[in-house]
């Protein structure tokens, strides 16, 4: 039994398009958009990791500075 290929539909500005009907240039532009969405998501994820890491280092630095201040006062 042959499988029927389901159309790949994308919605842009509330208009549905069948990707199979795209010209080569339209397909290339669409693929760029998909790739950029993936990169934006990946970069956002990395930014979250970097922000948490920086916050942790700032916390550690503050703790060390407070310990040093306590030694000076004592």
PDB file of N, CA and C in Angstrom:
ATOM      1  N   UNK A   1       0.840  -1.163   0.000  1.00  0.00           N
ATOM      2  CA  UNK A   1       0.000   0.000   0.000  1.00  0.00           C
ATOM      3  C   UNK A   1       0.896   1.241   0.000  1.00  0.00           C
ATOM      4  N   UNK A   2       0.687   2.127  -0.935  1.00  0.00           N
ATOM      5  CA  UNK A   2       1.484   3.338  -1.053  1.00  0.00           C
ATOM      6  C   UNK A   2       0.978   4.389  -0.072  1.00  0.00           C
ATOM      7  N   UNK A   3       1.940   5.033   0.580  1.00  0.00           N
ATOM      8  CA  UNK A   3       1.566   6.113   1.498  1.00  0.00           C
ATOM      9  C   UNK A   3       1.339   7.385   0.705  1.00  0.00           C
ATOM     10  N   UNK A   4       0.295   8.101   1.057  1.00  0.00           N
ATOM     11  CA  UNK A   4       0.025   9.382   0.434  1.00  0.00           C
ATOM     12  C   UNK A   4       0.812  10.445   1.172  1.00  0.00           C
ATOM     13  N   UNK A   5       1.557  11.239   0.432  1.00  0.00           N
ATOM     14  CA  UNK A   5       2.367  12.280   1.038  1.00  0.00           C
ATOM     15  C   UNK A   5       1.456  13.411   1.513  1.00  0.00           C
ATOM     16  N   UNK A   6       1.575  13.718   2.803  1.00  0.00           N
ATOM     17  CA  UNK A   6       0.802  14.806   3.372  1.00  0.00           C
ATOM     18  C   UNK A   6       1.425  16.137   2.958  1.00  0.00           C
ATOM     19  N   UNK A   7       0.610  17.090   2.567  1.00  0.00           N
ATOM     20  CA  UNK A   7       1.172  18.390   2.189  1.00  0.00           C
ATOM     21  C   UNK A   7       1.761  19.094   3.417  1.00  0.00           C
ATOM     22  N   UNK A   8       2.866  19.773   3.196  1.00  0.00           N
ATOM     23  CA  UNK A   8       3.474  20.559   4.261  1.00  0.00           C
ATOM     24  C   UNK A   8       2.935  21.975   4.136  1.00  0.00           C
ATOM     25  N   UNK A   9       2.128  22.346   5.107  1.00  0.00           N
ATOM     26  CA  UNK A   9       1.484  23.653   5.075  1.00  0.00           C
ATOM     27  C   UNK A   9       2.184  24.569   6.073  1.00  0.00           C
ATOM     28  N   UNK A  10       2.466  25.777   5.642  1.00  0.00           N
ATOM     29  CA  UNK A  10       3.041  26.797   6.510  1.00  0.00           C
ATOM     30  C   UNK A  10       2.123  28.012   6.446  1.00  0.00           C
ATOM     31  N   UNK A  11       1.941  28.659   7.583  1.00  0.00           N
ATOM     32  CA  UNK A  11       1.089  29.843   7.636  1.00  0.00           C
ATOM     33  C   UNK A  11       1.967  31.072   7.829  1.00  0.00           C
ATOM     34  N   UNK A  12       1.846  32.010   6.906  1.00  0.00           N
ATOM     35  CA  UNK A  12       2.585  33.273   6.968  1.00  0.00           C
ATOM     36  C   UNK A  12       1.576  34.397   6.852  1.00  0.00           C
ATOM     37  N   UNK A  13       1.527  35.244   7.868  1.00  0.00           N
ATOM     38  CA  UNK A  13       0.564  36.353   7.902  1.00  0.00           C
ATOM     39  C   UNK A  13      -0.868  35.869   7.665  1.00  0.00           C
ATOM     40  N   UNK A  14      -1.217  34.797   8.367  1.00  0.00           N
ATOM     41  CA  UNK A  14      -2.567  34.223   8.310  1.00  0.00           C
ATOM     42  C   UNK A  14      -2.951  33.664   6.939  1.00  0.00           C
ATOM     43  N   UNK A  15      -1.974  33.411   6.092  1.00  0.00           N
ATOM     44  CA  UNK A  15      -2.220  32.797   4.786  1.00  0.00           C
ATOM     45  C   UNK A  15      -1.490  31.461   4.767  1.00  0.00           C
ATOM     46  N   UNK A  16      -2.206  30.398   4.389  1.00  0.00           N
ATOM     47  CA  UNK A  16      -1.606  29.068   4.338  1.00  0.00           C
ATOM     48  C   UNK A  16      -0.978  28.822   2.972  1.00  0.00           C
ATOM     49  N   UNK A  17       0.229  28.248   2.995  1.00  0.00           N
ATOM     50  CA  UNK A  17       0.953  27.922   1.770  1.00  0.00           C
ATOM     51  C   UNK A  17       1.391  26.463   1.836  1.00  0.00           C
ATOM     52  N   UNK A  18       1.349  25.790   0.711  1.00  0.00           N
ATOM     53  CA  UNK A  18       1.874  24.434   0.596  1.00  0.00           C
ATOM     54  C   UNK A  18       3.334  24.559   0.184  1.00  0.00           C
ATOM     55  N   UNK A  19       4.215  24.074   1.030  1.00  0.00           N
ATOM     56  CA  UNK A  19       5.642  24.198   0.762  1.00  0.00           C
ATOM     57  C   UNK A  19       6.017  23.516  -0.549  1.00  0.00           C
ATOM     58  N   UNK A  20       5.307  22.462  -0.893  1.00  0.00           N
ATOM     59  CA  UNK A  20       5.606  21.745  -2.149  1.00  0.00           C
ATOM     60  C   UNK A  20       5.367  22.610  -3.375  1.00  0.00           C
ATOM     61  N   UNK A  21       4.581  23.680  -3.222  1.00  0.00           N
ATOM     62  CA  UNK A  21       4.298  24.571  -4.343  1.00  0.00           C
ATOM     63  C   UNK A  21       5.295  25.723  -4.446  1.00  0.00           C
ATOM     64  N   UNK A  22       6.218  25.825  -3.485  1.00  0.00           N
ATOM     65  CA  UNK A  22       7.193  26.903  -3.511  1.00  0.00           C
ATOM     66  C   UNK A  22       8.133  26.758  -4.702  1.00  0.00           C
ATOM     67  N   UNK A  23       8.555  27.892  -5.227  1.00  0.00           N
ATOM     68  CA  UNK A  23       9.625  27.872  -6.234  1.00  0.00           C
ATOM     69  C   UNK A  23      10.924  27.534  -5.506  1.00  0.00           C
ATOM     70  N   UNK A  24      11.965  27.281  -6.237  1.00  0.00           N
ATOM     71  CA  UNK A  24      13.259  26.978  -5.634  1.00  0.00           C
ATOM     72  C   UNK A  24      13.724  28.140  -4.741  1.00  0.00           C
ATOM     73  N   UNK A  25      13.552  29.356  -5.231  1.00  0.00           N
ATOM     74  CA  UNK A  25      13.962  30.529  -4.462  1.00  0.00           C
ATOM     75  C   UNK A  25      13.115  30.684  -3.202  1.00  0.00           C
ATOM     76  N   UNK A  26      11.800  30.489  -3.312  1.00  0.00           N
ATOM     77  CA  UNK A  26      10.919  30.576  -2.145  1.00  0.00           C
ATOM     78  C   UNK A  26      11.279  29.507  -1.117  1.00  0.00           C
ATOM     79  N   UNK A  27      11.574  28.304  -1.603  1.00  0.00           N
ATOM     80  CA  UNK A  27      11.978  27.217  -0.710  1.00  0.00           C
ATOM     81  C   UNK A  27      13.270  27.548   0.025  1.00  0.00           C
ATOM     82  N   UNK A  28      14.220  28.141  -0.699  1.00  0.00           N
ATOM     83  CA  UNK A  28      15.485  28.525  -0.085  1.00  0.00           C
ATOM     84  C   UNK A  28      15.264  29.594   0.984  1.00  0.00           C
ATOM     85  N   UNK A  29      14.451  30.591   0.681  1.00  0.00           N
ATOM     86  CA  UNK A  29      14.155  31.648   1.654  1.00  0.00           C
ATOM     87  C   UNK A  29      13.441  31.070   2.885  1.00  0.00           C
ATOM     88  N   UNK A  30      12.511  30.158   2.645  1.00  0.00           N
ATOM     89  CA  UNK A  30      11.805  29.514   3.745  1.00  0.00           C
ATOM     90  C   UNK A  30      12.783  28.728   4.618  1.00  0.00           C
ATOM     91  N   UNK A  31      13.687  27.989   3.990  1.00  0.00           N
ATOM     92  CA  UNK A  31      14.678  27.218   4.747  1.00  0.00           C
ATOM     93  C   UNK A  31      15.585  28.126   5.576  1.00  0.00           C
ATOM     94  N   UNK A  32      15.920  29.299   5.036  1.00  0.00           N
ATOM     95  CA  UNK A  32      16.700  30.270   5.813  1.00  0.00           C
ATOM     96  C   UNK A  32      15.913  30.690   7.058  1.00  0.00           C
ATOM     97  N   UNK A  33      14.632  30.959   6.895  1.00  0.00           N
ATOM     98  CA  UNK A  33      13.792  31.366   8.026  1.00  0.00           C
ATOM     99  C   UNK A  33      13.728  30.274   9.080  1.00  0.00           C
ATOM    100  N   UNK A  34      13.559  29.038   8.656  1.00  0.00           N
ATOM    101  CA  UNK A  34      13.494  27.909   9.593  1.00  0.00           C
ATOM    102  C   UNK A  34      14.824  27.774  10.331  1.00  0.00           C
ATOM    103  N   UNK A  35      15.925  27.880   9.594  1.00  0.00           N
ATOM    104  CA  UNK A  35      17.246  27.762  10.203  1.00  0.00           C
ATOM    105  C   UNK A  35      17.495  28.901  11.186  1.00  0.00           C
ATOM    106  N   UNK A  36      17.089  30.102  10.831  1.00  0.00           N
ATOM    107  CA  UNK A  36      17.265  31.237  11.737  1.00  0.00           C
ATOM    108  C   UNK A  36      16.416  31.080  12.991  1.00  0.00           C
ATOM    109  N   UNK A  37      15.206  30.555  12.874  1.00  0.00           N
ATOM    110  CA  UNK A  37      14.380  30.276  14.054  1.00  0.00           C
ATOM    111  C   UNK A  37      15.091  29.301  14.985  1.00  0.00           C
ATOM    112  N   UNK A  38      15.691  28.272  14.404  1.00  0.00           N
ATOM    113  CA  UNK A  38      16.424  27.278  15.196  1.00  0.00           C
ATOM    114  C   UNK A  38      17.617  27.935  15.895  1.00  0.00           C
ATOM    115  N   UNK A  39      18.345  28.779  15.170  1.00  0.00           N
ATOM    116  CA  UNK A  39      19.511  29.445  15.752  1.00  0.00           C
ATOM    117  C   UNK A  39      19.105  30.432  16.844  1.00  0.00           C
ATOM    118  N   UNK A  40      18.016  31.136  16.649  1.00  0.00           N
ATOM    119  CA  UNK A  40      17.520  32.068  17.664  1.00  0.00           C
ATOM    120  C   UNK A  40      17.156  31.307  18.932  1.00  0.00           C
ATOM    121  N   UNK A  41      16.471  30.173  18.782  1.00  0.00           N
ATOM    122  CA  UNK A  41      16.102  29.363  19.949  1.00  0.00           C
ATOM    123  C   UNK A  41      17.342  28.848  20.667  1.00  0.00           C
ATOM    124  N   UNK A  42      18.330  28.397  19.902  1.00  0.00           N
ATOM    125  CA  UNK A  42      19.570  27.893  20.490  1.00  0.00           C
ATOM    126  C   UNK A  42      20.327  29.006  21.205  1.00  0.00           C
ATOM    127  N   UNK A  43      20.394  30.166  20.598  1.00  0.00           N
ATOM    128  CA  UNK A  43      21.091  31.304  21.199  1.00  0.00           C
ATOM    129  C   UNK A  43      20.387  31.775  22.459  1.00  0.00           C
ATOM    130  N   UNK A  44      19.059  31.779  22.450  1.00  0.00           N
ATOM    131  CA  UNK A  44      18.287  32.149  23.634  1.00  0.00           C
ATOM    132  C   UNK A  44      18.575  31.183  24.774  1.00  0.00           C
ATOM    133  N   UNK A  45      18.635  29.892  24.460  1.00  0.00           N
ATOM    134  CA  UNK A  45      18.948  28.871  25.453  1.00  0.00           C
ATOM    135  C   UNK A  45      20.340  29.098  26.029  1.00  0.00           C
ATOM    136  N   UNK A  46      21.304  29.376  25.152  1.00  0.00           N
ATOM    137  CA  UNK A  46      22.676  29.629  25.603  1.00  0.00           C
ATOM    138  C   UNK A  46      22.756  30.898  26.445  1.00  0.00           C
ATOM    139  N   UNK A  47      22.000  31.928  26.070  1.00  0.00           N
ATOM    140  CA  UNK A  47      21.978  33.164  26.845  1.00  0.00           C
ATOM    141  C   UNK A  47      21.444  32.911  28.250  1.00  0.00           C
ATOM    142  N   UNK A  48      20.425  32.070  28.361  1.00  0.00           N
ATOM    143  CA  UNK A  48      19.890  31.722  29.685  1.00  0.00           C
ATOM    144  C   UNK A  48      20.968  31.037  30.524  1.00  0.00           C
ATOM    145  N   UNK A  49      21.704  30.110  29.912  1.00  0.00           N
ATOM    146  CA  UNK A  49      22.770  29.417  30.625  1.00  0.00           C
ATOM    147  C   UNK A  49      23.858  30.395  31.056  1.00  0.00           C
ATOM    148  N   UNK A  50      24.251  31.280  30.166  1.00  0.00           N
ATOM    149  CA  UNK A  50      25.295  32.255  30.470  1.00  0.00           C
ATOM    150  C   UNK A  50      24.855  33.202  31.580  1.00  0.00           C
ATOM    151  N   UNK A  51      23.604  33.616  31.558  1.00  0.00           N
ATOM    152  CA  UNK A  51      23.081  34.524  32.574  1.00  0.00           C
ATOM    153  C   UNK A  51      23.094  33.861  33.949  1.00  0.00           C
ATOM    154  N   UNK A  52      22.651  32.615  34.018  1.00  0.00           N
ATOM    155  CA  UNK A  52      22.654  31.888  35.288  1.00  0.00           C
ATOM    156  C   UNK A  52      24.093  31.691  35.761  1.00  0.00           C
ATOM    157  N   UNK A  53      24.986  31.358  34.845  1.00  0.00           N
ATOM    158  CA  UNK A  53      26.396  31.196  35.206  1.00  0.00           C
ATOM    159  C   UNK A  53      26.984  32.485  35.750  1.00  0.00           C
ATOM    160  N   UNK A  54      26.726  33.585  35.087  1.00  0.00           N
ATOM    161  CA  UNK A  54      27.241  34.881  35.545  1.00  0.00           C
ATOM    162  C   UNK A  54      26.678  35.210  36.925  1.00  0.00           C
ATOM    163  N   UNK A  55      25.374  35.005  37.111  1.00  0.00           N
ATOM    164  CA  UNK A  55      24.749  35.273  38.410  1.00  0.00           C
ATOM    165  C   UNK A  55      25.417  34.444  39.513  1.00  0.00           C
ATOM    166  N   UNK A  56      25.754  33.196  39.193  1.00  0.00           N
ATOM    167  CA  UNK A  56      26.411  32.330  40.179  1.00  0.00           C
ATOM    168  C   UNK A  56      27.795  32.854  40.530  1.00  0.00           C
ATOM    169  N   UNK A  57      28.538  33.292  39.538  1.00  0.00           N
ATOM    170  CA  UNK A  57      29.874  33.836  39.801  1.00  0.00           C
ATOM    171  C   UNK A  57      29.803  35.143  40.586  1.00  0.00           C
ATOM    172  N   UNK A  58      28.825  35.970  40.298  1.00  0.00           N
ATOM    173  CA  UNK A  58      28.654  37.211  41.063  1.00  0.00           C
ATOM    174  C   UNK A  58      28.337  36.883  42.513  1.00  0.00           C
ATOM    175  N   UNK A  59      27.470  35.889  42.723  1.00  0.00           N
ATOM    176  CA  UNK A  59      27.126  35.471  44.086  1.00  0.00           C
ATOM    177  C   UNK A  59      28.372  34.987  44.825  1.00  0.00           C
ATOM    178  N   UNK A  60      29.169  34.153  44.156  1.00  0.00           N
ATOM    179  CA  UNK A  60      30.401  33.656  44.779  1.00  0.00           C
ATOM    180  C   UNK A  60      31.367  34.797  45.082  1.00  0.00           C
ATOM    181  N   UNK A  61      31.500  35.737  44.169  1.00  0.00           N
ATOM    182  CA  UNK A  61      32.389  36.879  44.386  1.00  0.00           C
ATOM    183  C   UNK A  61      31.929  37.699  45.589  1.00  0.00           C
ATOM    184  N   UNK A  62      30.629  37.962  45.686  1.00  0.00           N
ATOM    185  CA  UNK A  62      30.102  38.716  46.823  1.00  0.00           C
ATOM    186  C   UNK A  62      30.386  38.001  48.142  1.00  0.00           C
ATOM    187  N   UNK A  63      30.228  36.667  48.138  1.00  0.00           N
ATOM    188  CA  UNK A  63      30.515  35.897  49.345  1.00  0.00           C
ATOM    189  C   UNK A  63      31.979  36.038  49.750  1.00  0.00           C
ATOM    190  N   UNK A  64      32.877  35.977  48.789  1.00  0.00           N
ATOM    191  CA  UNK A  64      34.313  36.101  49.073  1.00  0.00           C
ATOM    192  C   UNK A  64      34.653  37.507  49.552  1.00  0.00           C
ATOM    193  N   UNK A  65      34.019  38.515  48.942  1.00  0.00           N
ATOM    194  CA  UNK A  65      34.257  39.893  49.363  1.00  0.00           C
ATOM    195  C   UNK A  65      33.752  40.113  50.784  1.00  0.00           C
ATOM    196  N   UNK A  66      32.597  39.555  51.110  1.00  0.00           N
ATOM    197  CA  UNK A  66      32.054  39.678  52.472  1.00  0.00           C
ATOM    198  C   UNK A  66      32.968  38.984  53.478  1.00  0.00           C
ATOM    199  N   UNK A  67      33.521  37.831  53.094  1.00  0.00           N
ATOM    200  CA  UNK A  67      34.436  37.100  53.982  1.00  0.00           C
ATOM    201  C   UNK A  67      35.689  37.930  54.224  1.00  0.00           C
ATOM    202  N   UNK A  68      36.199  38.569  53.188  1.00  0.00           N
ATOM    203  CA  UNK A  68      37.385  39.415  53.309  1.00  0.00           C
ATOM    204  C   UNK A  68      37.083  40.622  54.186  1.00  0.00           C
ATOM    205  N   UNK A  69      35.926  41.241  53.998  1.00  0.00           N
ATOM    206  CA  UNK A  69      35.517  42.385  54.815  1.00  0.00           C
ATOM    207  C   UNK A  69      35.419  41.973  56.289  1.00  0.00           C
ATOM    208  N   UNK A  70      34.892  40.788  56.541  1.00  0.00           N
ATOM    209  CA  UNK A  70      34.739  40.304  57.925  1.00  0.00           C
ATOM    210  C   UNK A  70      36.093  40.092  58.559  1.00  0.00           C
ATOM    211  N   UNK A  71      37.089  39.633  57.791  1.00  0.00           N
ATOM    212  CA  UNK A  71      38.442  39.421  58.312  1.00  0.00           C
ATOM    213  C   UNK A  71      39.088  40.765  58.653  1.00  0.00           C
ATOM    214  N   UNK A  72      38.840  41.780  57.828  1.00  0.00           N
ATOM    215  CA  UNK A  72      39.441  43.091  58.056  1.00  0.00           C
ATOM    216  C   UNK A  72      38.862  43.716  59.333  1.00  0.00           C
ATOM    217  N   UNK A  73      37.558  43.554  59.541  1.00  0.00           N
ATOM    218  CA  UNK A  73      36.891  44.124  60.713  1.00  0.00           C
ATOM    219  C   UNK A  73      37.335  43.416  61.980  1.00  0.00           C
ATOM    220  N   UNK A  74      37.594  42.112  61.887  1.00  0.00           N
ATOM    221  CA  UNK A  74      37.933  41.312  63.083  1.00  0.00           C
ATOM    222  C   UNK A  74      39.291  41.593  63.605  1.00  0.00           C
TER     223      UNK A  74
END
